[in-house]
Protein backbone atom coordinates (compact mmCIF):
# COMPACT_ATOMS: atom_id res chain seq x y z
CA MET A 1 -5.82 -3.65 -0.98
CA THR A 2 -3.29 -2.86 -3.66
CA PHE A 3 -0.33 -5.14 -2.86
CA VAL A 4 0.42 -8.21 -0.75
CA GLY A 5 3.93 -9.42 -0.04
CA ARG A 6 4.95 -12.38 2.11
CA SER A 7 3.51 -11.01 5.34
CA SER A 8 2.72 -7.38 4.52
CA MET A 9 -0.18 -5.81 2.71
CA GLU A 10 -0.70 -2.32 1.36
CA VAL A 11 -4.07 -0.57 1.56
CA ALA A 12 -4.79 2.56 -0.47
CA VAL A 13 -7.13 5.22 0.92
CA GLU A 14 -8.47 8.08 -1.16
CA VAL A 15 -10.20 11.02 0.50
CA THR A 16 -12.51 13.12 -1.66
CA VAL A 17 -14.10 16.50 -1.04
CA GLU A 18 -17.03 18.20 -2.65
CA ASP A 19 -18.68 21.55 -2.48
CA LEU A 20 -22.35 20.80 -1.91
CA THR A 21 -23.30 24.30 -3.07
CA LYS A 22 -21.94 23.66 -6.56
CA ASP A 23 -22.88 21.14 -9.21
CA GLU A 24 -19.35 19.76 -9.60
CA PRO A 25 -17.93 16.27 -9.15
CA ALA A 26 -16.00 15.43 -6.00
CA LYS A 27 -12.25 16.07 -6.09
CA THR A 28 -9.48 13.95 -4.62
CA ALA A 29 -8.11 15.71 -1.52
CA LEU A 30 -5.45 13.12 -0.73
CA THR A 31 -4.32 9.58 -1.35
CA ALA A 32 -2.46 7.58 1.29
CA TYR A 33 -0.95 4.11 1.38
CA PHE A 34 -0.90 2.16 4.64
CA THR A 35 1.16 -0.97 5.20
CA PHE A 36 -0.06 -3.67 7.58
CA VAL A 37 1.68 -6.85 8.66
CA ALA A 38 -0.12 -10.16 9.23
CA LEU A 39 0.60 -11.49 12.73
CA ASP A 40 0.08 -14.89 14.31
CA ALA A 41 -1.29 -15.48 17.81
CA GLN A 42 2.18 -14.89 19.30
CA GLY A 43 2.58 -11.54 17.54
CA HIS A 44 5.10 -12.76 14.95
CA SER A 45 4.76 -11.98 11.26
CA CYS A 46 3.11 -14.75 9.27
CA PRO A 47 2.19 -15.27 5.61
CA ALA A 48 -0.57 -12.99 4.35
CA PRO A 49 -3.31 -14.37 2.11
CA ALA A 50 -2.63 -13.83 -1.59
CA LEU A 51 -4.36 -10.98 -3.37
CA GLU A 52 -6.63 -12.11 -6.18
CA LEU A 53 -5.96 -9.94 -9.23
CA ILE A 54 -9.01 -10.04 -11.48
CA THR A 55 -8.99 -6.90 -13.59
CA GLU A 56 -6.28 -5.05 -15.48
CA ASP A 57 -6.71 -2.22 -12.97
CA ASP A 58 -6.04 -4.72 -10.14
CA ARG A 59 -2.81 -5.75 -11.87
CA ARG A 60 -1.77 -2.13 -12.44
CA LEU A 61 -2.39 -1.21 -8.79
CA PHE A 62 -0.55 -4.34 -7.64
CA GLU A 63 2.50 -3.51 -9.77
CA ALA A 64 2.56 0.08 -8.49
CA GLY A 65 2.35 -1.25 -4.92
CA ARG A 66 5.12 -3.75 -5.62
CA GLN A 67 7.34 -0.92 -6.87
CA ARG A 68 6.66 1.13 -3.70
CA TYR A 69 7.51 -1.96 -1.63
CA LEU A 70 10.78 -2.59 -3.51
CA ASN A 71 11.76 1.10 -3.32
CA TYR A 72 11.14 1.10 0.43
CA LYS A 73 13.24 -2.04 0.90
CA GLN A 74 16.05 -0.53 -1.17
CA ARG A 75 16.03 2.73 0.85
CA LYS A 76 15.96 0.76 4.11
CA ASN A 77 18.96 -1.35 3.03
CA LEU A 78 20.93 1.75 1.97
CA MET A 79 20.27 3.42 5.30
CA LYS A 80 21.34 0.27 7.12
CA GLN A 81 24.60 0.13 5.13
CA GLU A 82 25.27 3.79 5.92
CA GLY A 83 24.55 3.20 9.62
CA LEU A 84 21.54 5.53 9.65
CA SER A 85 18.99 3.09 11.02
């Protein structure tokens, strides 16, 4: 997990590929970010557990995820104001 908001959480997935016929390190084929929402027994959003940030890398990933979250919210609000959603 890279970011946790009030009820949402972002999970990063990195897919690597390698040519087994060559002595080369694996290469990143793609990176994707998935957002999940914590739900209670009735299917309503509920608070997600906090993400424990231990390393500097954890903090860097969290901040990048927070920026993606804020950018998404901003785009969503702009679309709503323009009547596009």
